[in-house]
Amino acid sequence: MTLPLPDTPLSALELLRDPFVLLVAPDSPFAGRAEAPSLAEISQVPLIAWRSWLGVEDSMRERGYALNVIMRSDDSDTVRSLVAAGVGAAIVPRLIVDPAGSLVPLALDDVFGERILALAWHPERRRTPVLDAFTELVRSVCASDVVNVSPRPGLRRG
């Protein structure tokens, strides 16, 4: 689940923060640059966007830019495949990037914020030892180096 929670009686435990990155193909003109594209440049790039866009389009509009969305999909494999094929770029949460893949994630310096991932539960439900063990396991994995949400080092938004 992502935070903030909707108006609900649920309690939540924040697990990690997942920054947004601009995902481009390795042959993109942006892939070899020392800095990520500016907002003006991003507004000109054909984008594959999420159907549930997570506020990215609103954030761009608030800054005076419109995005050039050419397709929408909430399927991570589809988004990555279209970027790899050179159809466009995508603004995505860092965790959908395959670290062994060839796509290039460019840091966006909190321009679009981050996705906050959490575990949620109803506080009146009985907590079992299995649930407590699961919660601790997930917390420990999210705090470890196994989950790497750092964008490509050294890249900054221009």
C-alpha atoms as a PDB file:
ATOM      1  CA  MET A   1       0.000   0.000   0.000  1.00  0.00           C
ATOM      2  CA  THR A   2       1.154   3.570  -0.526  1.00  0.00           C
ATOM      3  CA  LEU A   3       0.998   6.438   1.929  1.00  0.00           C
ATOM      4  CA  PRO A   4      -0.769   8.608   2.741  1.00  0.00           C
ATOM      5  CA  LEU A   5      -3.637   6.263   3.480  1.00  0.00           C
ATOM      6  CA  PRO A   6      -7.079   7.219   2.241  1.00  0.00           C
ATOM      7  CA  ASP A   7      -9.647   8.139   4.885  1.00  0.00           C
ATOM      8  CA  THR A   8      -9.746   4.752   6.570  1.00  0.00           C
ATOM      9  CA  PRO A   9      -9.451   3.182  10.024  1.00  0.00           C
ATOM     10  CA  LEU A  10      -6.264   1.352   8.991  1.00  0.00           C
ATOM     11  CA  SER A  11      -2.939   1.707  10.739  1.00  0.00           C
ATOM     12  CA  ALA A  12       0.271   1.628   8.707  1.00  0.00           C
ATOM     13  CA  LEU A  13       3.989   1.045   9.000  1.00  0.00           C
ATOM     14  CA  GLU A  14       6.170   2.924   6.512  1.00  0.00           C
ATOM     15  CA  LEU A  15       8.598   0.527   4.845  1.00  0.00           C
ATOM     16  CA  LEU A  16      10.523   2.577   2.314  1.00  0.00           C
ATOM     17  CA  ARG A  17      10.511   5.591   0.055  1.00  0.00           C
ATOM     18  CA  ASP A  18      10.735   4.934  -3.672  1.00  0.00           C
ATOM     19  CA  PRO A  19      11.793   7.999  -5.731  1.00  0.00           C
ATOM     20  CA  PHE A  20      10.573   8.598  -9.253  1.00  0.00           C
ATOM     21  CA  VAL A  21      13.088   8.365 -12.097  1.00  0.00           C
ATOM     22  CA  LEU A  22      13.010   9.064 -15.810  1.00  0.00           C
ATOM     23  CA  LEU A  23      13.508   5.703 -17.484  1.00  0.00           C
ATOM     24  CA  VAL A  24      15.122   5.872 -20.942  1.00  0.00           C
ATOM     25  CA  ALA A  25      16.548   3.411 -23.449  1.00  0.00           C
ATOM     26  CA  PRO A  26      20.349   3.069 -23.527  1.00  0.00           C
ATOM     27  CA  ASP A  27      20.467   4.739 -26.965  1.00  0.00           C
ATOM     28  CA  SER A  28      18.430   7.757 -25.804  1.00  0.00           C
ATOM     29  CA  PRO A  29      20.227  11.101 -26.142  1.00  0.00           C
ATOM     30  CA  PHE A  30      19.601  11.559 -22.395  1.00  0.00           C
ATOM     31  CA  ALA A  31      21.238   8.249 -21.358  1.00  0.00           C
ATOM     32  CA  GLY A  32      24.824   9.452 -21.680  1.00  0.00           C
ATOM     33  CA  ARG A  33      24.374  12.913 -20.222  1.00  0.00           C
ATOM     34  CA  ALA A  34      25.801  13.928 -16.875  1.00  0.00           C
ATOM     35  CA  GLU A  35      22.456  15.482 -15.921  1.00  0.00           C
ATOM     36  CA  ALA A  36      18.872  14.360 -16.319  1.00  0.00           C
ATOM     37  CA  PRO A  37      16.708  16.378 -18.711  1.00  0.00           C
ATOM     38  CA  SER A  38      15.081  19.594 -17.509  1.00  0.00           C
ATOM     39  CA  LEU A  39      11.321  19.784 -16.988  1.00  0.00           C
ATOM     40  CA  ALA A  40      11.028  21.617 -20.322  1.00  0.00           C
ATOM     41  CA  GLU A  41      12.880  18.756 -22.031  1.00  0.00           C
ATOM     42  CA  ILE A  42      10.782  16.121 -20.257  1.00  0.00           C
ATOM     43  CA  SER A  43       7.611  17.858 -21.461  1.00  0.00           C
ATOM     44  CA  GLN A  44       8.769  17.319 -25.080  1.00  0.00           C
ATOM     45  CA  VAL A  45       9.677  13.628 -24.734  1.00  0.00           C
ATOM     46  CA  PRO A  46       7.075  11.043 -25.817  1.00  0.00           C
ATOM     47  CA  LEU A  47       6.073   9.348 -22.549  1.00  0.00           C
ATOM     48  CA  ILE A  48       4.580   6.032 -21.656  1.00  0.00           C
ATOM     49  CA  ALA A  49       2.524   6.891 -18.578  1.00  0.00           C
ATOM     50  CA  TRP A  50       0.832   4.934 -15.836  1.00  0.00           C
ATOM     51  CA  ARG A  51      -2.976   4.882 -15.924  1.00  0.00           C
ATOM     52  CA  SER A  52      -2.854   5.544 -12.195  1.00  0.00           C
ATOM     53  CA  TRP A  53      -0.332   8.330 -12.696  1.00  0.00           C
ATOM     54  CA  LEU A  54       0.433   9.002  -9.001  1.00  0.00           C
ATOM     55  CA  GLY A  55       0.234  12.794  -9.297  1.00  0.00           C
ATOM     56  CA  VAL A  56       3.054  13.213 -11.830  1.00  0.00           C
ATOM     57  CA  GLU A  57       0.904  14.979 -14.428  1.00  0.00           C
ATOM     58  CA  ASP A  58      -0.537  17.310 -11.775  1.00  0.00           C
ATOM     59  CA  SER A  59       2.970  18.105 -10.583  1.00  0.00           C
ATOM     60  CA  MET A  60       4.054  19.045 -14.118  1.00  0.00           C
ATOM     61  CA  ARG A  61       0.942  21.186 -14.696  1.00  0.00           C
ATOM     62  CA  GLU A  62       1.597  23.052 -11.436  1.00  0.00           C
ATOM     63  CA  ARG A  63       5.033  23.920 -12.829  1.00  0.00           C
ATOM     64  CA  GLY A  64       3.566  25.156 -16.122  1.00  0.00           C
ATOM     65  CA  TYR A  65       4.307  22.112 -18.287  1.00  0.00           C
ATOM     66  CA  ALA A  66       2.157  19.551 -20.036  1.00  0.00           C
ATOM     67  CA  LEU A  67       3.401  16.040 -20.708  1.00  0.00           C
ATOM     68  CA  ASN A  68       3.488  14.412 -24.142  1.00  0.00           C
ATOM     69  CA  VAL A  69       1.747  11.162 -23.140  1.00  0.00           C
ATOM     70  CA  ILE A  70       1.505   8.789 -26.098  1.00  0.00           C
ATOM     71  CA  MET A  71       0.368   5.646 -24.272  1.00  0.00           C
ATOM     72  CA  ARG A  72      -0.802   4.498 -20.847  1.00  0.00           C
ATOM     73  CA  SER A  73      -0.319   1.201 -19.072  1.00  0.00           C
ATOM     74  CA  ASP A  74      -0.156   0.111 -15.445  1.00  0.00           C
ATOM     75  CA  ASP A  75       1.803  -3.007 -16.381  1.00  0.00           C
ATOM     76  CA  SER A  76       5.486  -2.579 -15.471  1.00  0.00           C
ATOM     77  CA  ASP A  77       6.657  -5.078 -18.114  1.00  0.00           C
ATOM     78  CA  THR A  78       4.742  -3.212 -20.829  1.00  0.00           C
ATOM     79  CA  VAL A  79       6.177   0.139 -19.745  1.00  0.00           C
ATOM     80  CA  ARG A  80       9.748  -1.232 -19.642  1.00  0.00           C
ATOM     81  CA  SER A  81       9.337  -2.993 -23.012  1.00  0.00           C
ATOM     82  CA  LEU A  82       8.070   0.152 -24.733  1.00  0.00           C
ATOM     83  CA  VAL A  83      10.938   2.205 -23.294  1.00  0.00           C
ATOM     84  CA  ALA A  84      13.452  -0.475 -24.382  1.00  0.00           C
ATOM     85  CA  ALA A  85      11.966  -0.443 -27.902  1.00  0.00           C
ATOM     86  CA  GLY A  86      12.566   3.313 -28.091  1.00  0.00           C
ATOM     87  CA  VAL A  87       8.863   4.209 -28.242  1.00  0.00           C
ATOM     88  CA  GLY A  88       9.280   6.759 -25.462  1.00  0.00           C
ATOM     89  CA  ALA A  89      10.531   7.344 -21.944  1.00  0.00           C
ATOM     90  CA  ALA A  90       8.657   6.841 -18.670  1.00  0.00           C
ATOM     91  CA  ILE A  91       8.539   8.498 -15.267  1.00  0.00           C
ATOM     92  CA  VAL A  92       8.383   5.526 -12.919  1.00  0.00           C
ATOM     93  CA  PRO A  93       9.048   4.542  -9.325  1.00  0.00           C
ATOM     94  CA  ARG A  94      12.669   3.381  -9.034  1.00  0.00           C
ATOM     95  CA  LEU A  95      11.679  -0.090  -7.800  1.00  0.00           C
ATOM     96  CA  ILE A  96      10.243  -1.106 -11.185  1.00  0.00           C
ATOM     97  CA  VAL A  97      13.678  -0.704 -12.782  1.00  0.00           C
ATOM     98  CA  ASP A  98      15.475  -4.010 -13.331  1.00  0.00           C
ATOM     99  CA  PRO A  99      19.000  -3.449 -11.973  1.00  0.00           C
ATOM    100  CA  ALA A 100      20.347  -6.104 -14.366  1.00  0.00           C
ATOM    101  CA  GLY A 101      18.544  -4.587 -17.353  1.00  0.00           C
ATOM    102  CA  SER A 102      19.840  -2.172 -19.951  1.00  0.00           C
ATOM    103  CA  LEU A 103      17.373   0.663 -19.335  1.00  0.00           C
ATOM    104  CA  VAL A 104      18.797   3.826 -17.797  1.00  0.00           C
ATOM    105  CA  PRO A 105      17.076   5.398 -14.752  1.00  0.00           C
ATOM    106  CA  LEU A 106      17.826   9.116 -14.419  1.00  0.00           C
ATOM    107  CA  ALA A 107      17.423  10.813 -11.040  1.00  0.00           C
ATOM    108  CA  LEU A 108      14.762  13.517 -10.904  1.00  0.00           C
ATOM    109  CA  ASP A 109      15.817  15.115  -7.590  1.00  0.00           C
ATOM    110  CA  ASP A 110      12.447  14.883  -5.854  1.00  0.00           C
ATOM    111  CA  VAL A 111      10.715  16.880  -8.623  1.00  0.00           C
ATOM    112  CA  PHE A 112       7.880  14.374  -8.490  1.00  0.00           C
ATOM    113  CA  GLY A 113       8.371  13.312  -4.905  1.00  0.00           C
ATOM    114  CA  GLU A 114       8.418   9.674  -4.051  1.00  0.00           C
ATOM    115  CA  ARG A 115       6.133   6.757  -3.536  1.00  0.00           C
ATOM    116  CA  ILE A 116       5.945   5.750   0.132  1.00  0.00           C
ATOM    117  CA  LEU A 117       5.364   2.021   0.513  1.00  0.00           C
ATOM    118  CA  ALA A 118       3.797   0.663   3.691  1.00  0.00           C
ATOM    119  CA  LEU A 119       2.138  -2.297   5.337  1.00  0.00           C
ATOM    120  CA  ALA A 120      -1.400  -1.559   6.505  1.00  0.00           C
ATOM    121  CA  TRP A 121      -3.700  -3.385   8.877  1.00  0.00           C
ATOM    122  CA  HIS A 122      -6.884  -2.853  10.813  1.00  0.00           C
ATOM    123  CA  PRO A 123      -5.894  -2.018  14.417  1.00  0.00           C
ATOM    124  CA  GLU A 124      -8.800  -3.989  15.894  1.00  0.00           C
ATOM    125  CA  ARG A 125      -7.770  -7.265  14.238  1.00  0.00           C
ATOM    126  CA  ARG A 126      -5.833  -9.728  16.324  1.00  0.00           C
ATOM    127  CA  ARG A 127      -2.115  -9.761  15.529  1.00  0.00           C
ATOM    128  CA  THR A 128      -0.706 -13.252  15.338  1.00  0.00           C
ATOM    129  CA  PRO A 129       2.921 -14.336  15.779  1.00  0.00           C
ATOM    130  CA  VAL A 130       3.003 -15.195  12.056  1.00  0.00           C
ATOM    131  CA  LEU A 131       1.871 -11.677  11.143  1.00  0.00           C
ATOM    132  CA  ASP A 132       4.450 -10.159  13.506  1.00  0.00           C
ATOM    133  CA  ALA A 133       7.199 -12.343  11.986  1.00  0.00           C
ATOM    134  CA  PHE A 134       6.100 -11.373   8.463  1.00  0.00           C
ATOM    135  CA  THR A 135       6.085  -7.669   9.410  1.00  0.00           C
ATOM    136  CA  GLU A 136       9.594  -7.926  10.853  1.00  0.00           C
ATOM    137  CA  LEU A 137      10.868  -9.816   7.796  1.00  0.00           C
ATOM    138  CA  VAL A 138       9.446  -7.231   5.385  1.00  0.00           C
ATOM    139  CA  ARG A 139      10.816  -4.369   7.498  1.00  0.00           C
ATOM    140  CA  SER A 140      14.280  -5.942   7.548  1.00  0.00           C
ATOM    141  CA  VAL A 141      14.322  -6.613   3.775  1.00  0.00           C
ATOM    142  CA  CYS A 142      13.214  -3.052   3.025  1.00  0.00           C
ATOM    143  CA  ALA A 143      15.939  -1.672   5.299  1.00  0.00           C
ATOM    144  CA  SER A 144      18.661  -3.800   3.680  1.00  0.00           C
ATOM    145  CA  ASP A 145      20.740  -3.324   0.564  1.00  0.00           C
ATOM    146  CA  VAL A 146      18.579  -5.947  -1.164  1.00  0.00           C
ATOM    147  CA  VAL A 147      16.097  -3.173  -1.929  1.00  0.00           C
ATOM    148  CA  ASN A 148      18.077  -0.507  -3.746  1.00  0.00           C
ATOM    149  CA  VAL A 149      16.050   2.565  -4.602  1.00  0.00           C
ATOM    150  CA  SER A 150      18.981   4.820  -5.462  1.00  0.00           C
ATOM    151  CA  PRO A 151      18.811   6.275  -8.966  1.00  0.00           C
ATOM    152  CA  ARG A 152      21.832   6.123 -11.250  1.00  0.00           C
ATOM    153  CA  PRO A 153      24.661   7.762  -9.275  1.00  0.00           C
ATOM    154  CA  GLY A 154      25.804  11.228 -10.194  1.00  0.00           C
ATOM    155  CA  LEU A 155      22.803  12.183 -12.298  1.00  0.00           C
ATOM    156  CA  ARG A 156      20.810  15.231 -11.404  1.00  0.00           C
ATOM    157  CA  ARG A 157      17.830  17.002 -12.915  1.00  0.00           C
ATOM    158  CA  GLY A 158      18.930  19.862 -15.148  1.00  0.00           C
END
